[in-house]
Amino acid sequence: MKIPQLLSAAAAVIVSILSSYSSLAAEAIVGRASVVDGDTIEIRSQRIRLHGVDAPESWQLCGDGDGGSYRCGREAAIALERFLAASRPARCKIIERDRYGRFVATCFRADGREINRWLVANGNAVDWEKYSGGHYADVQEAARSKGVGIWRGKFQLPCEARAAHTRREPSC
């Protein structure tokens, strides 16, 4: 094969790859969602990281406001499962894939309620401004003002807790 033919074939492959990534944003995954953790679900064997929100890790402890602590990540996952069960199936609008190969998406219940927004509004996750651009700041402030979920006591931001747990720099 001559060099011009190789370049042409390589260009075709690159165009094909770029086309598949740009069409990714228009795709949706629909089905019964199961909870992996407080900000990750699975639909039809596809892991989906909820865009722009960060929930506590399952092992993470948060203050309960009365001097005690509780596993806030576990509680966030349980609350998410209850919320999803109330109106199935879920529909997720794909934004991208993350470095772990998971889809990153904004997801909705069958009744149209946005799952990502609900998590933050109920204090089960924080607005991860680094990724959301502050999209959930309004509902986070409302949750903080009401003292719901993680806002009822002291807690470490999930990204900081992960960094401390793995002895890495925070990615907040």
Protein backbone atom coordinates (compact mmCIF):
# COMPACT_ATOMS: atom_id res chain seq x y z
CA MET A 1 0.00 0.00 0.00
CA LYS A 2 1.36 3.42 -0.94
CA ILE A 3 1.70 6.30 1.51
CA PRO A 4 -1.23 8.33 0.08
CA GLN A 5 -3.48 5.26 0.41
CA LEU A 6 -2.29 4.68 3.98
CA LEU A 7 -2.96 8.31 4.88
CA SER A 8 -6.40 8.11 3.31
CA ALA A 9 -7.22 4.92 5.23
CA ALA A 10 -5.93 6.45 8.49
CA ALA A 11 -8.02 9.58 7.92
CA ALA A 12 -11.11 7.43 7.36
CA VAL A 13 -10.51 5.61 10.64
CA ILE A 14 -10.04 8.90 12.52
CA VAL A 15 -13.22 10.36 11.02
CA SER A 16 -15.12 7.21 12.00
CA ILE A 17 -13.85 7.37 15.59
CA LEU A 18 -14.65 11.08 15.93
CA SER A 19 -18.11 10.53 14.49
CA SER A 20 -18.85 7.85 17.06
CA TYR A 21 -17.79 10.15 19.92
CA SER A 22 -19.84 13.10 18.68
CA SER A 23 -22.88 10.88 18.24
CA LEU A 24 -22.37 9.64 21.80
CA ALA A 25 -23.78 12.90 23.15
CA ALA A 26 -27.05 12.31 21.30
CA GLU A 27 -27.43 8.77 22.65
CA ALA A 28 -29.56 7.72 25.55
CA ILE A 29 -29.61 4.56 27.63
CA VAL A 30 -33.02 3.54 28.91
CA GLY A 31 -33.88 0.75 31.32
CA ARG A 32 -34.19 -0.37 34.90
CA ALA A 33 -31.42 1.30 36.86
CA SER A 34 -29.65 -0.43 39.71
CA VAL A 35 -27.52 1.52 42.17
CA VAL A 36 -23.78 0.95 42.26
CA ASP A 37 -23.14 3.77 44.71
CA GLY A 38 -24.53 7.21 45.48
CA ASP A 39 -23.54 8.72 42.12
CA THR A 40 -23.23 5.68 39.84
CA ILE A 41 -25.97 3.50 38.41
CA GLU A 42 -26.09 0.60 36.00
CA ILE A 43 -28.56 0.11 33.17
CA ARG A 44 -28.35 -2.95 30.89
CA SER A 45 -24.83 -3.79 32.11
CA GLN A 46 -23.61 -0.24 31.41
CA ARG A 47 -22.05 1.72 34.28
CA ILE A 48 -23.23 5.32 34.31
CA ARG A 49 -21.59 8.03 36.41
CA LEU A 50 -24.05 10.83 37.14
CA HIS A 51 -22.69 14.05 35.66
CA GLY A 52 -21.82 17.05 37.82
CA VAL A 53 -22.54 15.50 41.21
CA ASP A 54 -20.35 13.82 43.80
CA ALA A 55 -21.82 11.57 46.49
CA PRO A 56 -19.99 10.35 49.58
CA GLU A 57 -18.21 7.02 49.29
CA SER A 58 -19.90 3.96 50.84
CA TRP A 59 -17.26 3.80 53.59
CA GLN A 60 -17.35 7.56 54.26
CA LEU A 61 -18.55 8.82 57.63
CA CYS A 62 -20.43 12.08 58.09
CA GLY A 63 -21.55 13.88 61.21
CA ASP A 64 -25.20 13.43 62.13
CA GLY A 65 -25.57 16.86 63.77
CA ASP A 66 -25.95 15.32 67.24
CA GLY A 67 -22.31 14.45 67.88
CA GLY A 68 -22.47 11.04 66.23
CA SER A 69 -21.59 9.81 62.78
CA TYR A 70 -23.16 7.63 60.11
CA ARG A 71 -22.15 6.03 56.81
CA CYS A 72 -23.41 8.82 54.59
CA GLY A 73 -22.35 7.17 51.33
CA ARG A 74 -24.33 4.07 52.17
CA GLU A 75 -27.32 6.22 53.10
CA ALA A 76 -27.03 8.15 49.80
CA ALA A 77 -27.07 4.88 47.83
CA ILE A 78 -30.12 3.60 49.71
CA ALA A 79 -31.96 6.90 49.17
CA LEU A 80 -31.10 6.79 45.46
CA GLU A 81 -32.46 3.24 45.17
CA ARG A 82 -35.76 4.31 46.76
CA PHE A 83 -36.00 7.35 44.47
CA LEU A 84 -35.38 5.25 41.35
CA ALA A 85 -37.86 2.55 42.42
CA ALA A 86 -40.67 5.11 42.61
CA SER A 87 -40.71 5.73 38.84
CA ARG A 88 -39.04 3.29 36.46
CA PRO A 89 -37.43 3.05 33.93
CA ALA A 90 -34.62 5.59 33.96
CA ARG A 91 -33.36 7.41 30.87
CA CYS A 92 -29.81 8.71 30.75
CA LYS A 93 -28.58 11.27 28.24
CA ILE A 94 -24.94 10.43 27.59
CA ILE A 95 -22.43 13.27 27.76
CA GLU A 96 -19.13 11.40 27.51
CA ARG A 97 -17.10 8.46 28.77
CA ASP A 98 -14.83 8.94 31.77
CA ARG A 99 -11.29 7.66 32.23
CA TYR A 100 -12.67 4.43 33.69
CA GLY A 101 -14.79 3.74 30.60
CA ARG A 102 -18.08 4.55 32.31
CA PHE A 103 -20.69 6.65 30.60
CA VAL A 104 -21.18 10.08 32.19
CA ALA A 105 -24.77 11.23 31.92
CA THR A 106 -27.66 13.30 33.12
CA CYS A 107 -30.42 10.87 34.04
CA PHE A 108 -34.17 11.10 34.52
CA ARG A 109 -36.85 8.91 36.04
CA ALA A 110 -39.86 7.84 33.97
CA ASP A 111 -41.85 10.75 35.48
CA GLY A 112 -39.26 13.23 34.12
CA ARG A 113 -37.56 14.13 37.41
CA GLU A 114 -33.82 14.62 37.02
CA ILE A 115 -31.89 12.17 39.17
CA ASN A 116 -28.67 14.21 39.37
CA ARG A 117 -30.54 17.30 40.61
CA TRP A 118 -32.57 15.27 43.11
CA LEU A 119 -29.39 13.85 44.69
CA VAL A 120 -28.02 17.33 45.38
CA ALA A 121 -31.38 18.82 46.40
CA ASN A 122 -31.81 16.13 49.04
CA GLY A 123 -28.30 16.37 50.44
CA ASN A 124 -27.19 12.99 49.12
CA ALA A 125 -24.50 14.50 46.87
CA VAL A 126 -22.78 17.82 46.29
CA ASP A 127 -22.67 19.94 43.18
CA TRP A 128 -19.29 19.05 41.66
CA GLU A 129 -18.72 22.48 40.19
CA LYS A 130 -15.53 21.37 38.45
CA TYR A 131 -17.74 19.31 36.12
CA SER A 132 -21.19 20.88 36.42
CA GLY A 133 -20.13 24.51 36.07
CA GLY A 134 -22.30 25.23 39.13
CA HIS A 135 -25.43 23.80 37.51
CA TYR A 136 -26.70 22.45 40.84
CA ALA A 137 -25.51 25.30 43.08
CA ASP A 138 -29.05 26.57 43.67
CA VAL A 139 -30.40 23.27 44.97
CA GLN A 140 -27.23 22.64 46.96
CA GLU A 141 -27.67 25.95 48.76
CA ALA A 142 -31.31 25.06 49.50
CA ALA A 143 -30.25 21.66 50.90
CA ARG A 144 -27.55 23.31 53.00
CA SER A 145 -30.04 25.88 54.34
CA LYS A 146 -32.52 23.14 55.29
CA GLY A 147 -29.79 20.95 56.83
CA VAL A 148 -30.83 17.85 54.91
CA GLY A 149 -28.70 14.80 54.16
CA ILE A 150 -24.98 15.41 54.55
CA TRP A 151 -25.71 19.04 55.43
CA ARG A 152 -27.18 18.05 58.83
CA GLY A 153 -23.66 17.72 60.24
CA LYS A 154 -20.00 18.07 59.38
CA PHE A 155 -18.57 16.12 56.48
CA GLN A 156 -15.60 15.98 54.18
CA LEU A 157 -16.24 16.60 50.50
CA PRO A 158 -16.31 13.22 48.73
CA CYS A 159 -13.41 14.15 46.43
CA GLU A 160 -11.31 15.08 49.50
CA ALA A 161 -12.29 11.89 51.33
CA ARG A 162 -11.26 9.76 48.31
CA ALA A 163 -7.94 11.59 48.10
CA ALA A 164 -7.22 11.08 51.80
CA HIS A 165 -8.25 7.41 51.54
CA THR A 166 -5.88 6.80 48.62
CA ARG A 167 -3.18 9.24 49.81
CA ARG A 168 -3.44 11.34 46.64
CA GLU A 169 -4.01 14.99 45.91
CA PRO A 170 -7.70 15.96 45.88
CA SER A 171 -9.28 16.34 42.44
CA CYS A 172 -11.90 18.81 43.63
